[in-house]
Amino acid sequence: MGFQPGFGTEDDTYADFVVGETNISLFDKNEMSQNLGTLDKPARADSQDHICLVFGVENVDEFCRTLTAKGVLLVAQPTNHPDWGVRTAHFRDPDGNLIEVNQS
């Protein structure tokens, strides 16, 4: 998504990205599970999404063109939602978490 790397490399199990005034940290799921003592729990279950990360962007259509050029598959194409007052698109991260980009 074009975030500025703050810490980590592509070979690390932890990475930190600077997003404006906020940092987003990603930690390897198996390593986090080991640290929390939850390795015996199922990694996935077929169910509704538990979380959706939402990011505001200047232009949903341009942003989606950039994503798809990088090989990202959209699960919902850019769509107007007049009742919400936004235009949205959705895709998933490598672990299957739902991400929305939107513009007013």
PDB file of N, CA and C in Angstrom:
ATOM      1  N   MET A   1       0.820  -1.203   0.000  1.00  0.00           N
ATOM      2  CA  MET A   1       0.000   0.000   0.000  1.00  0.00           C
ATOM      3  C   MET A   1       0.857   1.257   0.000  1.00  0.00           C
ATOM      4  N   GLY A   2       2.159   1.095  -0.139  1.00  0.00           N
ATOM      5  CA  GLY A   2       3.028   2.259  -0.234  1.00  0.00           C
ATOM      6  C   GLY A   2       3.398   2.883   1.098  1.00  0.00           C
ATOM      7  N   PHE A   3       3.245   2.139   2.213  1.00  0.00           N
ATOM      8  CA  PHE A   3       3.621   2.684   3.522  1.00  0.00           C
ATOM      9  C   PHE A   3       5.131   2.820   3.621  1.00  0.00           C
ATOM     10  N   GLN A   4       5.587   3.780   4.399  1.00  0.00           N
ATOM     11  CA  GLN A   4       7.011   4.005   4.628  1.00  0.00           C
ATOM     12  C   GLN A   4       7.512   3.000   5.671  1.00  0.00           C
ATOM     13  N   PRO A   5       8.474   2.132   5.314  1.00  0.00           N
ATOM     14  CA  PRO A   5       8.999   1.188   6.309  1.00  0.00           C
ATOM     15  C   PRO A   5       9.685   1.931   7.453  1.00  0.00           C
ATOM     16  N   GLY A   6       9.419   1.496   8.681  1.00  0.00           N
ATOM     17  CA  GLY A   6      10.052   2.092   9.845  1.00  0.00           C
ATOM     18  C   GLY A   6      11.064   1.150  10.470  1.00  0.00           C
ATOM     19  N   PHE A   7      10.757  -0.164  10.419  1.00  0.00           N
ATOM     20  CA  PHE A   7      11.640  -1.162  11.008  1.00  0.00           C
ATOM     21  C   PHE A   7      11.386  -2.490  10.318  1.00  0.00           C
ATOM     22  N   GLY A   8      12.442  -3.268  10.120  1.00  0.00           N
ATOM     23  CA  GLY A   8      12.310  -4.611   9.578  1.00  0.00           C
ATOM     24  C   GLY A   8      12.660  -4.675   8.110  1.00  0.00           C
ATOM     25  N   THR A   9      12.836  -5.921   7.647  1.00  0.00           N
ATOM     26  CA  THR A   9      13.099  -6.183   6.241  1.00  0.00           C
ATOM     27  C   THR A   9      12.126  -7.263   5.780  1.00  0.00           C
ATOM     28  N   GLU A  10      12.155  -7.595   4.515  1.00  0.00           N
ATOM     29  CA  GLU A  10      11.268  -8.633   3.987  1.00  0.00           C
ATOM     30  C   GLU A  10      11.574 -10.001   4.596  1.00  0.00           C
ATOM     31  N   ASP A  11      12.743 -10.169   5.189  1.00  0.00           N
ATOM     32  CA  ASP A  11      13.123 -11.446   5.783  1.00  0.00           C
ATOM     33  C   ASP A  11      12.851 -11.524   7.280  1.00  0.00           C
ATOM     34  N   ASP A  12      12.417 -10.416   7.906  1.00  0.00           N
ATOM     35  CA  ASP A  12      12.138 -10.396   9.345  1.00  0.00           C
ATOM     36  C   ASP A  12      10.755 -10.961   9.647  1.00  0.00           C
ATOM     37  N   THR A  13      10.536 -11.290  10.911  1.00  0.00           N
ATOM     38  CA  THR A  13       9.214 -11.762  11.346  1.00  0.00           C
ATOM     39  C   THR A  13       8.400 -10.618  11.957  1.00  0.00           C
ATOM     40  N   TYR A  14       8.976  -9.419  11.973  1.00  0.00           N
ATOM     41  CA  TYR A  14       8.294  -8.237  12.500  1.00  0.00           C
ATOM     42  C   TYR A  14       8.637  -7.074  11.582  1.00  0.00           C
ATOM     43  N   ALA A  15       7.648  -6.251  11.314  1.00  0.00           N
ATOM     44  CA  ALA A  15       7.895  -5.037  10.520  1.00  0.00           C
ATOM     45  C   ALA A  15       7.006  -3.925  11.050  1.00  0.00           C
ATOM     46  N   ASP A  16       7.492  -2.717  10.925  1.00  0.00           N
ATOM     47  CA  ASP A  16       6.773  -1.536  11.376  1.00  0.00           C
ATOM     48  C   ASP A  16       6.710  -0.559  10.210  1.00  0.00           C
ATOM     49  N   PHE A  17       5.537   0.021   9.983  1.00  0.00           N
ATOM     50  CA  PHE A  17       5.349   0.969   8.886  1.00  0.00           C
ATOM     51  C   PHE A  17       4.791   2.280   9.420  1.00  0.00           C
ATOM     52  N   VAL A  18       5.303   3.388   8.900  1.00  0.00           N
ATOM     53  CA  VAL A  18       4.840   4.718   9.293  1.00  0.00           C
ATOM     54  C   VAL A  18       3.739   5.136   8.332  1.00  0.00           C
ATOM     55  N   VAL A  19       2.578   5.453   8.901  1.00  0.00           N
ATOM     56  CA  VAL A  19       1.419   5.869   8.121  1.00  0.00           C
ATOM     57  C   VAL A  19       0.948   7.191   8.711  1.00  0.00           C
ATOM     58  N   GLY A  20       1.476   8.300   8.174  1.00  0.00           N
ATOM     59  CA  GLY A  20       1.138   9.611   8.745  1.00  0.00           C
ATOM     60  C   GLY A  20       1.649   9.698  10.163  1.00  0.00           C
ATOM     61  N   GLU A  21       0.748   9.928  11.109  1.00  0.00           N
ATOM     62  CA  GLU A  21       1.108  10.043  12.522  1.00  0.00           C
ATOM     63  C   GLU A  21       0.963   8.708  13.255  1.00  0.00           C
ATOM     64  N   THR A  22       0.689   7.639  12.498  1.00  0.00           N
ATOM     65  CA  THR A  22       0.418   6.332  13.084  1.00  0.00           C
ATOM     66  C   THR A  22       1.427   5.308  12.579  1.00  0.00           C
ATOM     67  N   ASN A  23       1.740   4.336  13.417  1.00  0.00           N
ATOM     68  CA  ASN A  23       2.568   3.209  13.002  1.00  0.00           C
ATOM     69  C   ASN A  23       1.701   1.966  12.952  1.00  0.00           C
ATOM     70  N   ILE A  24       1.892   1.145  11.928  1.00  0.00           N
ATOM     71  CA  ILE A  24       1.243  -0.150  11.830  1.00  0.00           C
ATOM     72  C   ILE A  24       2.335  -1.199  11.928  1.00  0.00           C
ATOM     73  N   SER A  25       2.169  -2.110  12.872  1.00  0.00           N
ATOM     74  CA  SER A  25       3.160  -3.162  13.075  1.00  0.00           C
ATOM     75  C   SER A  25       2.575  -4.498  12.661  1.00  0.00           C
ATOM     76  N   LEU A  26       3.385  -5.292  11.979  1.00  0.00           N
ATOM     77  CA  LEU A  26       3.001  -6.628  11.557  1.00  0.00           C
ATOM     78  C   LEU A  26       3.974  -7.620  12.189  1.00  0.00           C
ATOM     79  N   PHE A  27       3.407  -8.681  12.765  1.00  0.00           N
ATOM     80  CA  PHE A  27       4.205  -9.672  13.466  1.00  0.00           C
ATOM     81  C   PHE A  27       3.806 -11.045  12.952  1.00  0.00           C
ATOM     82  N   ASP A  28       4.761 -11.904  12.666  1.00  0.00           N
ATOM     83  CA  ASP A  28       4.497 -13.242  12.170  1.00  0.00           C
ATOM     84  C   ASP A  28       3.482 -13.950  13.063  1.00  0.00           C
ATOM     85  N   LYS A  29       2.421 -14.473  12.444  1.00  0.00           N
ATOM     86  CA  LYS A  29       1.326 -15.085  13.191  1.00  0.00           C
ATOM     87  C   LYS A  29       1.803 -16.255  14.052  1.00  0.00           C
ATOM     88  N   ASN A  30       2.629 -17.123  13.499  1.00  0.00           N
ATOM     89  CA  ASN A  30       3.103 -18.276  14.270  1.00  0.00           C
ATOM     90  C   ASN A  30       3.980 -17.853  15.437  1.00  0.00           C
ATOM     91  N   GLU A  31       4.836 -16.870  15.214  1.00  0.00           N
ATOM     92  CA  GLU A  31       5.703 -16.399  16.295  1.00  0.00           C
ATOM     93  C   GLU A  31       4.880 -15.718  17.389  1.00  0.00           C
ATOM     94  N   MET A  32       3.877 -14.938  16.994  1.00  0.00           N
ATOM     95  CA  MET A  32       3.008 -14.294  17.980  1.00  0.00           C
ATOM     96  C   MET A  32       2.244 -15.354  18.765  1.00  0.00           C
ATOM     97  N   SER A  33       1.744 -16.370  18.059  1.00  0.00           N
ATOM     98  CA  SER A  33       1.005 -17.448  18.715  1.00  0.00           C
ATOM     99  C   SER A  33       1.890 -18.193  19.718  1.00  0.00           C
ATOM    100  N   GLN A  34       3.134 -18.423  19.332  1.00  0.00           N
ATOM    101  CA  GLN A  34       4.078 -19.075  20.239  1.00  0.00           C
ATOM    102  C   GLN A  34       4.287 -18.231  21.493  1.00  0.00           C
ATOM    103  N   ASN A  35       4.458 -16.921  21.316  1.00  0.00           N
ATOM    104  CA  ASN A  35       4.664 -16.022  22.454  1.00  0.00           C
ATOM    105  C   ASN A  35       3.440 -15.950  23.360  1.00  0.00           C
ATOM    106  N   LEU A  36       2.247 -16.102  22.791  1.00  0.00           N
ATOM    107  CA  LEU A  36       1.015 -16.022  23.576  1.00  0.00           C
ATOM    108  C   LEU A  36       0.545 -17.375  24.094  1.00  0.00           C
ATOM    109  N   GLY A  37       1.228 -18.454  23.671  1.00  0.00           N
ATOM    110  CA  GLY A  37       0.849 -19.786  24.114  1.00  0.00           C
ATOM    111  C   GLY A  37      -0.424 -20.302  23.459  1.00  0.00           C
ATOM    112  N   THR A  38      -0.675 -19.906  22.215  1.00  0.00           N
ATOM    113  CA  THR A  38      -1.907 -20.322  21.537  1.00  0.00           C
ATOM    114  C   THR A  38      -1.642 -21.189  20.305  1.00  0.00           C
ATOM    115  N   LEU A  39      -0.470 -21.808  20.224  1.00  0.00           N
ATOM    116  CA  LEU A  39      -0.134 -22.631  19.061  1.00  0.00           C
ATOM    117  C   LEU A  39      -1.091 -23.809  18.869  1.00  0.00           C
ATOM    118  N   ASP A  40      -1.731 -24.270  19.938  1.00  0.00           N
ATOM    119  CA  ASP A  40      -2.631 -25.418  19.834  1.00  0.00           C
ATOM    120  C   ASP A  40      -4.003 -25.045  19.275  1.00  0.00           C
ATOM    121  N   LYS A  41      -4.290 -23.771  19.110  1.00  0.00           N
ATOM    122  CA  LYS A  41      -5.580 -23.314  18.582  1.00  0.00           C
ATOM    123  C   LYS A  41      -5.554 -23.351  17.057  1.00  0.00           C
ATOM    124  N   PRO A  42      -6.726 -23.546  16.416  1.00  0.00           N
ATOM    125  CA  PRO A  42      -6.748 -23.540  14.945  1.00  0.00           C
ATOM    126  C   PRO A  42      -6.335 -22.176  14.394  1.00  0.00           C
ATOM    127  N   ALA A  43      -5.556 -22.191  13.321  1.00  0.00           N
ATOM    128  CA  ALA A  43      -5.101 -20.940  12.709  1.00  0.00           C
ATOM    129  C   ALA A  43      -6.232 -20.235  11.986  1.00  0.00           C
ATOM    130  N   ARG A  44      -7.184 -20.993  11.464  1.00  0.00           N
ATOM    131  CA  ARG A  44      -8.288 -20.424  10.694  1.00  0.00           C
ATOM    132  C   ARG A  44      -9.562 -21.188  10.967  1.00  0.00           C
ATOM    133  N   ALA A  45     -10.645 -20.489  10.787  1.00  0.00           N
ATOM    134  CA  ALA A  45     -11.963 -21.115  10.814  1.00  0.00           C
ATOM    135  C   ALA A  45     -12.793 -20.451   9.731  1.00  0.00           C
ATOM    136  N   ASP A  46     -13.607 -21.235   9.050  1.00  0.00           N
ATOM    137  CA  ASP A  46     -14.468 -20.686   8.011  1.00  0.00           C
ATOM    138  C   ASP A  46     -15.590 -19.901   8.688  1.00  0.00           C
ATOM    139  N   SER A  47     -15.527 -18.582   8.585  1.00  0.00           N
ATOM    140  CA  SER A  47     -16.517 -17.735   9.245  1.00  0.00           C
ATOM    141  C   SER A  47     -16.533 -16.355   8.601  1.00  0.00           C
ATOM    142  N   GLN A  48     -17.389 -15.519   9.110  1.00  0.00           N
ATOM    143  CA  GLN A  48     -17.424 -14.128   8.663  1.00  0.00           C
ATOM    144  C   GLN A  48     -16.134 -13.441   9.089  1.00  0.00           C
ATOM    145  N   ASP A  49     -15.828 -12.318   8.441  1.00  0.00           N
ATOM    146  CA  ASP A  49     -14.626 -11.567   8.819  1.00  0.00           C
ATOM    147  C   ASP A  49     -14.756 -11.052  10.252  1.00  0.00           C
ATOM    148  N   HIS A  50     -13.665 -11.139  10.994  1.00  0.00           N
ATOM    149  CA  HIS A  50     -13.637 -10.659  12.371  1.00  0.00           C
ATOM    150  C   HIS A  50     -13.169  -9.207  12.450  1.00  0.00           C
ATOM    151  N   ILE A  51     -12.440  -8.779  11.430  1.00  0.00           N
ATOM    152  CA  ILE A  51     -11.864  -7.439  11.452  1.00  0.00           C
ATOM    153  C   ILE A  51     -11.742  -6.925  10.023  1.00  0.00           C
ATOM    154  N   CYS A  52     -11.845  -5.627   9.890  1.00  0.00           N
ATOM    155  CA  CYS A  52     -11.586  -4.973   8.609  1.00  0.00           C
ATOM    156  C   CYS A  52     -10.800  -3.711   8.905  1.00  0.00           C
ATOM    157  N   LEU A  53      -9.614  -3.612   8.343  1.00  0.00           N
ATOM    158  CA  LEU A  53      -8.831  -2.377   8.461  1.00  0.00           C
ATOM    159  C   LEU A  53      -9.320  -1.430   7.380  1.00  0.00           C
ATOM    160  N   VAL A  54      -9.581  -0.185   7.754  1.00  0.00           N
ATOM    161  CA  VAL A  54     -10.135   0.796   6.822  1.00  0.00           C
ATOM    162  C   VAL A  54      -9.161   1.963   6.694  1.00  0.00           C
ATOM    163  N   PHE A  55      -8.851   2.312   5.439  1.00  0.00           N
ATOM    164  CA  PHE A  55      -7.942   3.414   5.163  1.00  0.00           C
ATOM    165  C   PHE A  55      -8.617   4.388   4.215  1.00  0.00           C
ATOM    166  N   GLY A  56      -8.562   5.669   4.533  1.00  0.00           N
ATOM    167  CA  GLY A  56      -9.023   6.701   3.618  1.00  0.00           C
ATOM    168  C   GLY A  56      -7.943   6.997   2.597  1.00  0.00           C
ATOM    169  N   VAL A  57      -8.343   7.123   1.334  1.00  0.00           N
ATOM    170  CA  VAL A  57      -7.409   7.448   0.256  1.00  0.00           C
ATOM    171  C   VAL A  57      -7.977   8.610  -0.552  1.00  0.00           C
ATOM    172  N   GLU A  58      -7.121   9.255  -1.326  1.00  0.00           N
ATOM    173  CA  GLU A  58      -7.564  10.380  -2.152  1.00  0.00           C
ATOM    174  C   GLU A  58      -8.498   9.942  -3.268  1.00  0.00           C
ATOM    175  N   ASN A  59      -8.149   8.825  -3.930  1.00  0.00           N
ATOM    176  CA  ASN A  59      -8.914   8.357  -5.079  1.00  0.00           C
ATOM    177  C   ASN A  59      -8.917   6.826  -5.085  1.00  0.00           C
ATOM    178  N   VAL A  60     -10.052   6.234  -4.786  1.00  0.00           N
ATOM    179  CA  VAL A  60     -10.163   4.780  -4.694  1.00  0.00           C
ATOM    180  C   VAL A  60      -9.770   4.109  -6.004  1.00  0.00           C
ATOM    181  N   ASP A  61     -10.241   4.642  -7.126  1.00  0.00           N
ATOM    182  CA  ASP A  61      -9.965   4.000  -8.418  1.00  0.00           C
ATOM    183  C   ASP A  61      -8.470   3.999  -8.743  1.00  0.00           C
ATOM    184  N   GLU A  62      -7.799   5.122  -8.537  1.00  0.00           N
ATOM    185  CA  GLU A  62      -6.351   5.179  -8.786  1.00  0.00           C
ATOM    186  C   GLU A  62      -5.608   4.240  -7.844  1.00  0.00           C
ATOM    187  N   PHE A  63      -6.011   4.238  -6.579  1.00  0.00           N
ATOM    188  CA  PHE A  63      -5.367   3.390  -5.591  1.00  0.00           C
ATOM    189  C   PHE A  63      -5.513   1.919  -5.984  1.00  0.00           C
ATOM    190  N   CYS A  64      -6.686   1.529  -6.449  1.00  0.00           N
ATOM    191  CA  CYS A  64      -6.931   0.145  -6.862  1.00  0.00           C
ATOM    192  C   CYS A  64      -6.121  -0.219  -8.096  1.00  0.00           C
ATOM    193  N   ARG A  65      -5.949   0.714  -9.025  1.00  0.00           N
ATOM    194  CA  ARG A  65      -5.102   0.443 -10.189  1.00  0.00           C
ATOM    195  C   ARG A  65      -3.667   0.155  -9.745  1.00  0.00           C
ATOM    196  N   THR A  66      -3.187   0.921  -8.771  1.00  0.00           N
ATOM    197  CA  THR A  66      -1.839   0.697  -8.237  1.00  0.00           C
ATOM    198  C   THR A  66      -1.747  -0.668  -7.574  1.00  0.00           C
ATOM    199  N   LEU A  67      -2.751  -1.021  -6.772  1.00  0.00           N
ATOM    200  CA  LEU A  67      -2.745  -2.325  -6.100  1.00  0.00           C
ATOM    201  C   LEU A  67      -2.758  -3.470  -7.096  1.00  0.00           C
ATOM    202  N   THR A  68      -3.658  -3.413  -8.065  1.00  0.00           N
ATOM    203  CA  THR A  68      -3.774  -4.516  -9.023  1.00  0.00           C
ATOM    204  C   THR A  68      -2.519  -4.630  -9.890  1.00  0.00           C
ATOM    205  N   ALA A  69      -1.859  -3.509 -10.164  1.00  0.00           N
ATOM    206  CA  ALA A  69      -0.599  -3.558 -10.910  1.00  0.00           C
ATOM    207  C   ALA A  69       0.478  -4.297 -10.121  1.00  0.00           C
ATOM    208  N   LYS A  70       0.341  -4.323  -8.788  1.00  0.00           N
ATOM    209  CA  LYS A  70       1.275  -5.045  -7.925  1.00  0.00           C
ATOM    210  C   LYS A  70       0.830  -6.480  -7.675  1.00  0.00           C
ATOM    211  N   GLY A  71      -0.269  -6.885  -8.305  1.00  0.00           N
ATOM    212  CA  GLY A  71      -0.739  -8.259  -8.178  1.00  0.00           C
ATOM    213  C   GLY A  71      -1.777  -8.494  -7.098  1.00  0.00           C
ATOM    214  N   VAL A  72      -2.257  -7.438  -6.473  1.00  0.00           N
ATOM    215  CA  VAL A  72      -3.277  -7.579  -5.426  1.00  0.00           C
ATOM    216  C   VAL A  72      -4.626  -7.839  -6.085  1.00  0.00           C
ATOM    217  N   LEU A  73      -5.352  -8.843  -5.590  1.00  0.00           N
ATOM    218  CA  LEU A  73      -6.675  -9.165  -6.102  1.00  0.00           C
ATOM    219  C   LEU A  73      -7.729  -8.448  -5.267  1.00  0.00           C
ATOM    220  N   LEU A  74      -8.602  -7.719  -5.929  1.00  0.00           N
ATOM    221  CA  LEU A  74      -9.691  -7.050  -5.225  1.00  0.00           C
ATOM    222  C   LEU A  74     -10.808  -8.061  -4.982  1.00  0.00           C
ATOM    223  N   VAL A  75     -11.370  -8.053  -3.775  1.00  0.00           N
ATOM    224  CA  VAL A  75     -12.518  -8.915  -3.495  1.00  0.00           C
ATOM    225  C   VAL A  75     -13.822  -8.155  -3.709  1.00  0.00           C
ATOM    226  N   ALA A  76     -13.746  -6.841  -3.776  1.00  0.00           N
ATOM    227  CA  ALA A  76     -14.892  -5.992  -4.131  1.00  0.00           C
ATOM    228  C   ALA A  76     -14.351  -4.794  -4.897  1.00  0.00           C
ATOM    229  N   GLN A  77     -14.806  -4.643  -6.109  1.00  0.00           N
ATOM    230  CA  GLN A  77     -14.368  -3.553  -6.980  1.00  0.00           C
ATOM    231  C   GLN A  77     -14.833  -2.204  -6.413  1.00  0.00           C
ATOM    232  N   PRO A  78     -14.238  -1.099  -6.860  1.00  0.00           N
ATOM    233  CA  PRO A  78     -14.693   0.212  -6.407  1.00  0.00           C
ATOM    234  C   PRO A  78     -16.199   0.368  -6.612  1.00  0.00           C
ATOM    235  N   THR A  79     -16.864   0.775  -5.533  1.00  0.00           N
ATOM    236  CA  THR A  79     -18.321   0.868  -5.521  1.00  0.00           C
ATOM    237  C   THR A  79     -18.750   2.104  -4.746  1.00  0.00           C
ATOM    238  N   ASN A  80     -19.722   2.824  -5.287  1.00  0.00           N
ATOM    239  CA  ASN A  80     -20.302   3.958  -4.571  1.00  0.00           C
ATOM    240  C   ASN A  80     -21.331   3.466  -3.562  1.00  0.00           C
ATOM    241  N   HIS A  81     -21.302   4.059  -2.386  1.00  0.00           N
ATOM    242  CA  HIS A  81     -22.280   3.777  -1.328  1.00  0.00           C
ATOM    243  C   HIS A  81     -22.894   5.112  -0.899  1.00  0.00           C
ATOM    244  N   PRO A  82     -23.887   5.599  -1.651  1.00  0.00           N
ATOM    245  CA  PRO A  82     -24.463   6.910  -1.341  1.00  0.00           C
ATOM    246  C   PRO A  82     -24.993   7.019   0.094  1.00  0.00           C
ATOM    247  N   ASP A  83     -25.536   5.918   0.619  1.00  0.00           N
ATOM    248  CA  ASP A  83     -26.059   5.964   1.989  1.00  0.00           C
ATOM    249  C   ASP A  83     -24.947   6.068   3.030  1.00  0.00           C
ATOM    250  N   TRP A  84     -23.728   5.646   2.688  1.00  0.00           N
ATOM    251  CA  TRP A  84     -22.574   5.787   3.579  1.00  0.00           C
ATOM    252  C   TRP A  84     -21.798   7.068   3.296  1.00  0.00           C
ATOM    253  N   GLY A  85     -22.004   7.648   2.110  1.00  0.00           N
ATOM    254  CA  GLY A  85     -21.258   8.846   1.725  1.00  0.00           C
ATOM    255  C   GLY A  85     -19.833   8.568   1.291  1.00  0.00           C
ATOM    256  N   VAL A  86     -19.545   7.327   0.846  1.00  0.00           N
ATOM    257  CA  VAL A  86     -18.186   6.975   0.439  1.00  0.00           C
ATOM    258  C   VAL A  86     -18.193   6.078  -0.788  1.00  0.00           C
ATOM    259  N   ARG A  87     -17.039   6.004  -1.430  1.00  0.00           N
ATOM    260  CA  ARG A  87     -16.751   5.029  -2.482  1.00  0.00           C
ATOM    261  C   ARG A  87     -15.731   4.082  -1.876  1.00  0.00           C
ATOM    262  N   THR A  88     -15.935   2.777  -1.994  1.00  0.00           N
ATOM    263  CA  THR A  88     -15.062   1.790  -1.348  1.00  0.00           C
ATOM    264  C   THR A  88     -14.557   0.755  -2.332  1.00  0.00           C
ATOM    265  N   ALA A  89     -13.518   0.052  -1.919  1.00  0.00           N
ATOM    266  CA  ALA A  89     -13.035  -1.169  -2.563  1.00  0.00           C
ATOM    267  C   ALA A  89     -12.434  -2.022  -1.452  1.00  0.00           C
ATOM    268  N   HIS A  90     -12.408  -3.333  -1.663  1.00  0.00           N
ATOM    269  CA  HIS A  90     -11.898  -4.241  -0.640  1.00  0.00           C
ATOM    270  C   HIS A  90     -10.917  -5.250  -1.236  1.00  0.00           C
ATOM    271  N   PHE A  91      -9.933  -5.622  -0.432  1.00  0.00           N
ATOM    272  CA  PHE A  91      -8.968  -6.661  -0.779  1.00  0.00           C
ATOM    273  C   PHE A  91      -8.523  -7.319   0.511  1.00  0.00           C
ATOM    274  N   ARG A  92      -7.714  -8.356   0.401  1.00  0.00           N
ATOM    275  CA  ARG A  92      -7.247  -9.081   1.584  1.00  0.00           C
ATOM    276  C   ARG A  92      -5.721  -9.051   1.671  1.00  0.00           C
ATOM    277  N   ASP A  93      -5.228  -9.026   2.906  1.00  0.00           N
ATOM    278  CA  ASP A  93      -3.784  -9.129   3.113  1.00  0.00           C
ATOM    279  C   ASP A  93      -3.378 -10.594   2.950  1.00  0.00           C
ATOM    280  N   PRO A  94      -2.072 -10.897   3.017  1.00  0.00           N
ATOM    281  CA  PRO A  94      -1.635 -12.285   2.798  1.00  0.00           C
ATOM    282  C   PRO A  94      -2.250 -13.304   3.772  1.00  0.00           C
ATOM    283  N   ASP A  95      -2.688 -12.871   4.952  1.00  0.00           N
ATOM    284  CA  ASP A  95      -3.318 -13.782   5.910  1.00  0.00           C
ATOM    285  C   ASP A  95      -4.829 -13.844   5.743  1.00  0.00           C
ATOM    286  N   GLY A  96      -5.375 -13.119   4.758  1.00  0.00           N
ATOM    287  CA  GLY A  96      -6.797 -13.169   4.505  1.00  0.00           C
ATOM    288  C   GLY A  96      -7.622 -12.118   5.217  1.00  0.00           C
ATOM    289  N   ASN A  97      -6.965 -11.210   5.963  1.00  0.00           N
ATOM    290  CA  ASN A  97      -7.700 -10.148   6.652  1.00  0.00           C
ATOM    291  C   ASN A  97      -8.256  -9.155   5.633  1.00  0.00           C
ATOM    292  N   LEU A  98      -9.466  -8.709   5.877  1.00  0.00           N
ATOM    293  CA  LEU A  98     -10.145  -7.791   4.976  1.00  0.00           C
ATOM    294  C   LEU A  98      -9.634  -6.364   5.165  1.00  0.00           C
ATOM    295  N   ILE A  99      -9.359  -5.687   4.044  1.00  0.00           N
ATOM    296  CA  ILE A  99      -8.923  -4.290   4.065  1.00  0.00           C
ATOM    297  C   ILE A  99      -9.819  -3.495   3.142  1.00  0.00           C
ATOM    298  N   GLU A 100     -10.271  -2.359   3.623  1.00  0.00           N
ATOM    299  CA  GLU A 100     -11.084  -1.447   2.824  1.00  0.00           C
ATOM    300  C   GLU A 100     -10.310  -0.166   2.587  1.00  0.00           C
ATOM    301  N   VAL A 101     -10.398   0.351   1.361  1.00  0.00           N
ATOM    302  CA  VAL A 101      -9.949   1.714   1.075  1.00  0.00           C
ATOM    303  C   VAL A 101     -11.204   2.480   0.667  1.00  0.00           C
ATOM    304  N   ASN A 102     -11.274   3.738   1.112  1.00  0.00           N
ATOM    305  CA  ASN A 102     -12.463   4.519   0.766  1.00  0.00           C
ATOM    306  C   ASN A 102     -12.114   5.985   0.582  1.00  0.00           C
ATOM    307  N   GLN A 103     -13.001   6.667  -0.088  1.00  0.00           N
ATOM    308  CA  GLN A 103     -12.906   8.120  -0.247  1.00  0.00           C
ATOM    309  C   GLN A 103     -14.287   8.689  -0.046  1.00  0.00           C
ATOM    310  N   SER A 104     -14.336   9.893   0.501  1.00  0.00           N
ATOM    311  CA  SER A 104     -15.628  10.551   0.715  1.00  0.00           C
ATOM    312  C   SER A 104     -16.238  10.933  -0.616  1.00  0.00           C
TER     313      SER A 104
END
